[in-house]
Amino acid sequence: MNNQFVGQADPVNNQPYVPLQDLYVIKGQVPVEQATINGQTYYVIEADKINPANIAGFYTYDKWVSNFVAAMNTPGTYAAVLPGNSPVFQWTNITGTVAYQTMLYEHYSPSFSSGGVVLVLPNKIIPYGITYSPSGSAISFDSPSQVYSSSS
């Protein structure tokens, strides 16, 4: 999807689409084994030992991944859905673009379950999309129950 849209203009706010990055969050302990290949030690996640219900997938602006992870670990952060008429989609900044871009991807990508979702912090929002997780909702941020409304 990125290759199809990045560089084109968002028709809602006339800003260029930006590259998005997927990331996966695993709830609980992650089983890791040590492997040595050609004398180099590596640590490998034993994915077959992770309950698929404990995995959640997200999609956000590639430069915000570390901010997204930090926000998820900040007490008081919650997830909310943007209503279709939200003024956030019209913001002429990356926040508005990413919000609209994830909503667009929801309609075009079979691996997307939701777009136009935001992490809400006291002084900002971080838009993202949710990819289909293997099973259920593992993390509270992949099943938002609130609606975010912004007057500006």
C-alpha atoms as a PDB file:
ATOM      1  CA  MET A   1       0.000   0.000   0.000  1.00  0.00           C
ATOM      2  CA  ASN A   2       2.814   2.451   0.804  1.00  0.00           C
ATOM      3  CA  ASN A   3       4.227   2.273  -2.710  1.00  0.00           C
ATOM      4  CA  GLN A   4       0.800   3.014  -4.147  1.00  0.00           C
ATOM      5  CA  PHE A   5       0.173   6.182  -2.121  1.00  0.00           C
ATOM      6  CA  VAL A   6       3.432   7.670  -0.756  1.00  0.00           C
ATOM      7  CA  GLY A   7       4.284  10.853  -2.604  1.00  0.00           C
ATOM      8  CA  GLN A   8       0.714  11.454  -3.750  1.00  0.00           C
ATOM      9  CA  ALA A   9      -1.320  14.215  -2.143  1.00  0.00           C
ATOM     10  CA  ASP A  10      -3.965  13.525   0.463  1.00  0.00           C
ATOM     11  CA  PRO A  11      -7.145  14.910  -1.180  1.00  0.00           C
ATOM     12  CA  VAL A  12      -8.590  15.980   2.184  1.00  0.00           C
ATOM     13  CA  ASN A  13      -5.723  18.151   3.461  1.00  0.00           C
ATOM     14  CA  ASN A  14      -3.550  18.407   0.310  1.00  0.00           C
ATOM     15  CA  GLN A  15      -0.464  17.133   2.156  1.00  0.00           C
ATOM     16  CA  PRO A  16       1.751  14.357   0.738  1.00  0.00           C
ATOM     17  CA  TYR A  17       1.157  10.848   2.056  1.00  0.00           C
ATOM     18  CA  VAL A  18       3.994   9.544   4.235  1.00  0.00           C
ATOM     19  CA  PRO A  19       5.601   6.111   4.631  1.00  0.00           C
ATOM     20  CA  LEU A  20       3.906   3.950   7.239  1.00  0.00           C
ATOM     21  CA  GLN A  21       5.471   1.123   9.249  1.00  0.00           C
ATOM     22  CA  ASP A  22       3.857  -1.906  10.793  1.00  0.00           C
ATOM     23  CA  LEU A  23       4.804  -3.075  14.266  1.00  0.00           C
ATOM     24  CA  TYR A  24       3.668  -5.973  16.383  1.00  0.00           C
ATOM     25  CA  VAL A  25       3.227  -6.037  20.130  1.00  0.00           C
ATOM     26  CA  ILE A  26       3.359  -9.236  22.148  1.00  0.00           C
ATOM     27  CA  LYS A  27       1.574  -9.339  25.490  1.00  0.00           C
ATOM     28  CA  GLY A  28       3.465 -11.066  28.283  1.00  0.00           C
ATOM     29  CA  GLN A  29       6.776 -12.870  28.345  1.00  0.00           C
ATOM     30  CA  VAL A  30       8.458 -13.501  24.991  1.00  0.00           C
ATOM     31  CA  PRO A  31      10.275 -16.830  24.705  1.00  0.00           C
ATOM     32  CA  VAL A  32      13.787 -16.284  23.370  1.00  0.00           C
ATOM     33  CA  GLU A  33      16.511 -18.770  22.541  1.00  0.00           C
ATOM     34  CA  GLN A  34      20.172 -18.126  21.955  1.00  0.00           C
ATOM     35  CA  ALA A  35      21.609 -19.267  18.622  1.00  0.00           C
ATOM     36  CA  THR A  36      25.208 -19.163  17.403  1.00  0.00           C
ATOM     37  CA  ILE A  37      25.777 -18.909  13.659  1.00  0.00           C
ATOM     38  CA  ASN A  38      29.322 -18.658  12.286  1.00  0.00           C
ATOM     39  CA  GLY A  39      30.588 -17.733  15.735  1.00  0.00           C
ATOM     40  CA  GLN A  40      28.114 -14.853  16.123  1.00  0.00           C
ATOM     41  CA  THR A  41      25.531 -15.057  18.920  1.00  0.00           C
ATOM     42  CA  TYR A  42      21.940 -14.113  18.099  1.00  0.00           C
ATOM     43  CA  TYR A  43      18.788 -14.051  20.191  1.00  0.00           C
ATOM     44  CA  VAL A  44      15.784 -15.456  18.375  1.00  0.00           C
ATOM     45  CA  ILE A  45      12.130 -15.179  19.371  1.00  0.00           C
ATOM     46  CA  GLU A  46      10.509 -18.602  19.527  1.00  0.00           C
ATOM     47  CA  ALA A  47       7.387 -17.516  17.690  1.00  0.00           C
ATOM     48  CA  ASP A  48       5.800 -20.968  17.724  1.00  0.00           C
ATOM     49  CA  LYS A  49       5.616 -20.742  21.527  1.00  0.00           C
ATOM     50  CA  ILE A  50       3.652 -17.452  21.556  1.00  0.00           C
ATOM     51  CA  ASN A  51      -0.100 -17.642  21.892  1.00  0.00           C
ATOM     52  CA  PRO A  52      -1.456 -15.902  18.755  1.00  0.00           C
ATOM     53  CA  ALA A  53      -4.135 -14.274  20.894  1.00  0.00           C
ATOM     54  CA  ASN A  54      -1.333 -12.319  22.604  1.00  0.00           C
ATOM     55  CA  ILE A  55      -0.143 -10.603  19.421  1.00  0.00           C
ATOM     56  CA  ALA A  56      -1.456  -7.269  18.153  1.00  0.00           C
ATOM     57  CA  GLY A  57      -0.474  -5.495  14.944  1.00  0.00           C
ATOM     58  CA  PHE A  58      -0.377  -1.738  14.373  1.00  0.00           C
ATOM     59  CA  TYR A  59       0.481   0.617  11.515  1.00  0.00           C
ATOM     60  CA  THR A  60       1.658   4.222  11.911  1.00  0.00           C
ATOM     61  CA  TYR A  61       4.025   6.818  10.442  1.00  0.00           C
ATOM     62  CA  ASP A  62       7.462   5.200  10.237  1.00  0.00           C
ATOM     63  CA  LYS A  63       9.155   8.059  12.118  1.00  0.00           C
ATOM     64  CA  TRP A  64       6.646   7.719  14.997  1.00  0.00           C
ATOM     65  CA  VAL A  65       7.176   4.054  15.880  1.00  0.00           C
ATOM     66  CA  SER A  66       9.295   4.848  18.957  1.00  0.00           C
ATOM     67  CA  ASN A  67       6.795   7.553  20.036  1.00  0.00           C
ATOM     68  CA  PHE A  68       3.954   5.064  19.526  1.00  0.00           C
ATOM     69  CA  VAL A  69       5.636   2.464  21.733  1.00  0.00           C
ATOM     70  CA  ALA A  70       6.433   5.087  24.383  1.00  0.00           C
ATOM     71  CA  ALA A  71       2.813   6.283  24.318  1.00  0.00           C
ATOM     72  CA  MET A  72       1.521   2.733  24.778  1.00  0.00           C
ATOM     73  CA  ASN A  73       3.672   2.516  27.909  1.00  0.00           C
ATOM     74  CA  THR A  74       2.543   5.882  29.283  1.00  0.00           C
ATOM     75  CA  PRO A  75      -0.099   5.618  32.022  1.00  0.00           C
ATOM     76  CA  GLY A  76      -3.321   7.343  31.043  1.00  0.00           C
ATOM     77  CA  THR A  77      -2.887   6.822  27.285  1.00  0.00           C
ATOM     78  CA  TYR A  78      -6.008   5.402  25.687  1.00  0.00           C
ATOM     79  CA  ALA A  79      -7.154   4.467  22.210  1.00  0.00           C
ATOM     80  CA  ALA A  80     -10.083   6.106  20.456  1.00  0.00           C
ATOM     81  CA  VAL A  81     -11.692   5.988  17.036  1.00  0.00           C
ATOM     82  CA  LEU A  82     -12.024   9.107  14.899  1.00  0.00           C
ATOM     83  CA  PRO A  83     -15.567   9.632  13.610  1.00  0.00           C
ATOM     84  CA  GLY A  84     -15.825   9.889   9.814  1.00  0.00           C
ATOM     85  CA  ASN A  85     -16.427  13.643   9.996  1.00  0.00           C
ATOM     86  CA  SER A  86     -13.553  14.344  12.404  1.00  0.00           C
ATOM     87  CA  PRO A  87     -11.710  17.608  11.741  1.00  0.00           C
ATOM     88  CA  VAL A  88      -8.460  15.706  12.450  1.00  0.00           C
ATOM     89  CA  PHE A  89      -8.581  14.330   8.879  1.00  0.00           C
ATOM     90  CA  GLN A  90      -8.354  17.915   7.590  1.00  0.00           C
ATOM     91  CA  TRP A  91      -5.412  19.005   9.731  1.00  0.00           C
ATOM     92  CA  THR A  92      -2.643  20.210   7.405  1.00  0.00           C
ATOM     93  CA  ASN A  93       0.109  18.336   9.217  1.00  0.00           C
ATOM     94  CA  ILE A  94       1.412  14.781   9.424  1.00  0.00           C
ATOM     95  CA  THR A  95      -1.116  13.914  12.144  1.00  0.00           C
ATOM     96  CA  GLY A  96      -4.014  14.707   9.806  1.00  0.00           C
ATOM     97  CA  THR A  97      -2.352  12.923   6.900  1.00  0.00           C
ATOM     98  CA  VAL A  98      -1.617   9.728   8.854  1.00  0.00           C
ATOM     99  CA  ALA A  99      -5.152   9.687  10.265  1.00  0.00           C
ATOM    100  CA  TYR A 100      -6.648   9.897   6.772  1.00  0.00           C
ATOM    101  CA  GLN A 101      -4.068   7.557   5.239  1.00  0.00           C
ATOM    102  CA  THR A 102      -4.823   4.767   7.734  1.00  0.00           C
ATOM    103  CA  MET A 103      -8.558   5.246   7.133  1.00  0.00           C
ATOM    104  CA  LEU A 104      -7.914   4.945   3.398  1.00  0.00           C
ATOM    105  CA  TYR A 105      -5.838   1.780   3.869  1.00  0.00           C
ATOM    106  CA  GLU A 106      -8.682   0.209   5.837  1.00  0.00           C
ATOM    107  CA  HIS A 107     -10.780   0.272   2.661  1.00  0.00           C
ATOM    108  CA  TYR A 108      -8.061  -1.005   0.309  1.00  0.00           C
ATOM    109  CA  SER A 109      -6.045  -3.549   2.271  1.00  0.00           C
ATOM    110  CA  PRO A 110      -7.344  -6.939   3.376  1.00  0.00           C
ATOM    111  CA  SER A 111      -4.738  -7.019   6.172  1.00  0.00           C
ATOM    112  CA  PHE A 112      -6.220  -3.930   7.849  1.00  0.00           C
ATOM    113  CA  SER A 113      -9.045  -4.204  10.355  1.00  0.00           C
ATOM    114  CA  SER A 114      -9.309  -0.539  11.386  1.00  0.00           C
ATOM    115  CA  GLY A 115      -7.946   2.837  10.374  1.00  0.00           C
ATOM    116  CA  GLY A 116      -8.492   6.296  11.784  1.00  0.00           C
ATOM    117  CA  VAL A 117      -7.624   5.228  15.318  1.00  0.00           C
ATOM    118  CA  VAL A 118      -5.602   7.420  17.678  1.00  0.00           C
ATOM    119  CA  LEU A 119      -3.619   7.061  20.858  1.00  0.00           C
ATOM    120  CA  VAL A 120      -4.725   9.941  23.054  1.00  0.00           C
ATOM    121  CA  LEU A 121      -2.184  11.522  25.368  1.00  0.00           C
ATOM    122  CA  PRO A 122      -2.679  14.694  27.431  1.00  0.00           C
ATOM    123  CA  ASN A 123      -0.980  16.960  24.870  1.00  0.00           C
ATOM    124  CA  LYS A 124      -1.227  15.129  21.523  1.00  0.00           C
ATOM    125  CA  ILE A 125      -2.700  12.290  19.532  1.00  0.00           C
ATOM    126  CA  ILE A 126      -0.878   9.646  17.497  1.00  0.00           C
ATOM    127  CA  PRO A 127      -2.927   8.219  14.616  1.00  0.00           C
ATOM    128  CA  TYR A 128      -2.559   4.588  13.617  1.00  0.00           C
ATOM    129  CA  GLY A 129      -4.258   1.660  12.008  1.00  0.00           C
ATOM    130  CA  ILE A 130      -4.802  -1.860  13.284  1.00  0.00           C
ATOM    131  CA  THR A 131      -3.782  -4.877  11.274  1.00  0.00           C
ATOM    132  CA  TYR A 132      -5.632  -8.130  11.656  1.00  0.00           C
ATOM    133  CA  SER A 133      -4.200  -9.958  14.618  1.00  0.00           C
ATOM    134  CA  PRO A 134      -3.986 -13.725  14.535  1.00  0.00           C
ATOM    135  CA  SER A 135      -6.742 -14.068  17.129  1.00  0.00           C
ATOM    136  CA  GLY A 136      -8.773 -11.657  19.205  1.00  0.00           C
ATOM    137  CA  SER A 137      -7.738  -8.425  20.870  1.00  0.00           C
ATOM    138  CA  ALA A 138      -4.477  -8.883  22.696  1.00  0.00           C
ATOM    139  CA  ILE A 139      -3.789  -5.312  23.713  1.00  0.00           C
ATOM    140  CA  SER A 140      -6.260  -2.680  24.884  1.00  0.00           C
ATOM    141  CA  PHE A 141      -5.102  -0.389  22.069  1.00  0.00           C
ATOM    142  CA  ASP A 142      -6.361  -2.766  19.370  1.00  0.00           C
ATOM    143  CA  SER A 143      -9.992  -2.542  20.438  1.00  0.00           C
ATOM    144  CA  PRO A 144     -10.780   1.132  21.094  1.00  0.00           C
ATOM    145  CA  SER A 145     -14.087   1.704  22.825  1.00  0.00           C
ATOM    146  CA  GLN A 146     -14.066   5.515  22.861  1.00  0.00           C
ATOM    147  CA  VAL A 147     -14.605   8.114  20.148  1.00  0.00           C
ATOM    148  CA  TYR A 148     -12.136  10.985  19.891  1.00  0.00           C
ATOM    149  CA  SER A 149     -13.666  14.361  19.181  1.00  0.00           C
ATOM    150  CA  SER A 150     -11.630  17.448  18.518  1.00  0.00           C
ATOM    151  CA  SER A 151     -13.044  20.862  17.846  1.00  0.00           C
ATOM    152  CA  SER A 152      -9.954  22.004  15.968  1.00  0.00           C
END
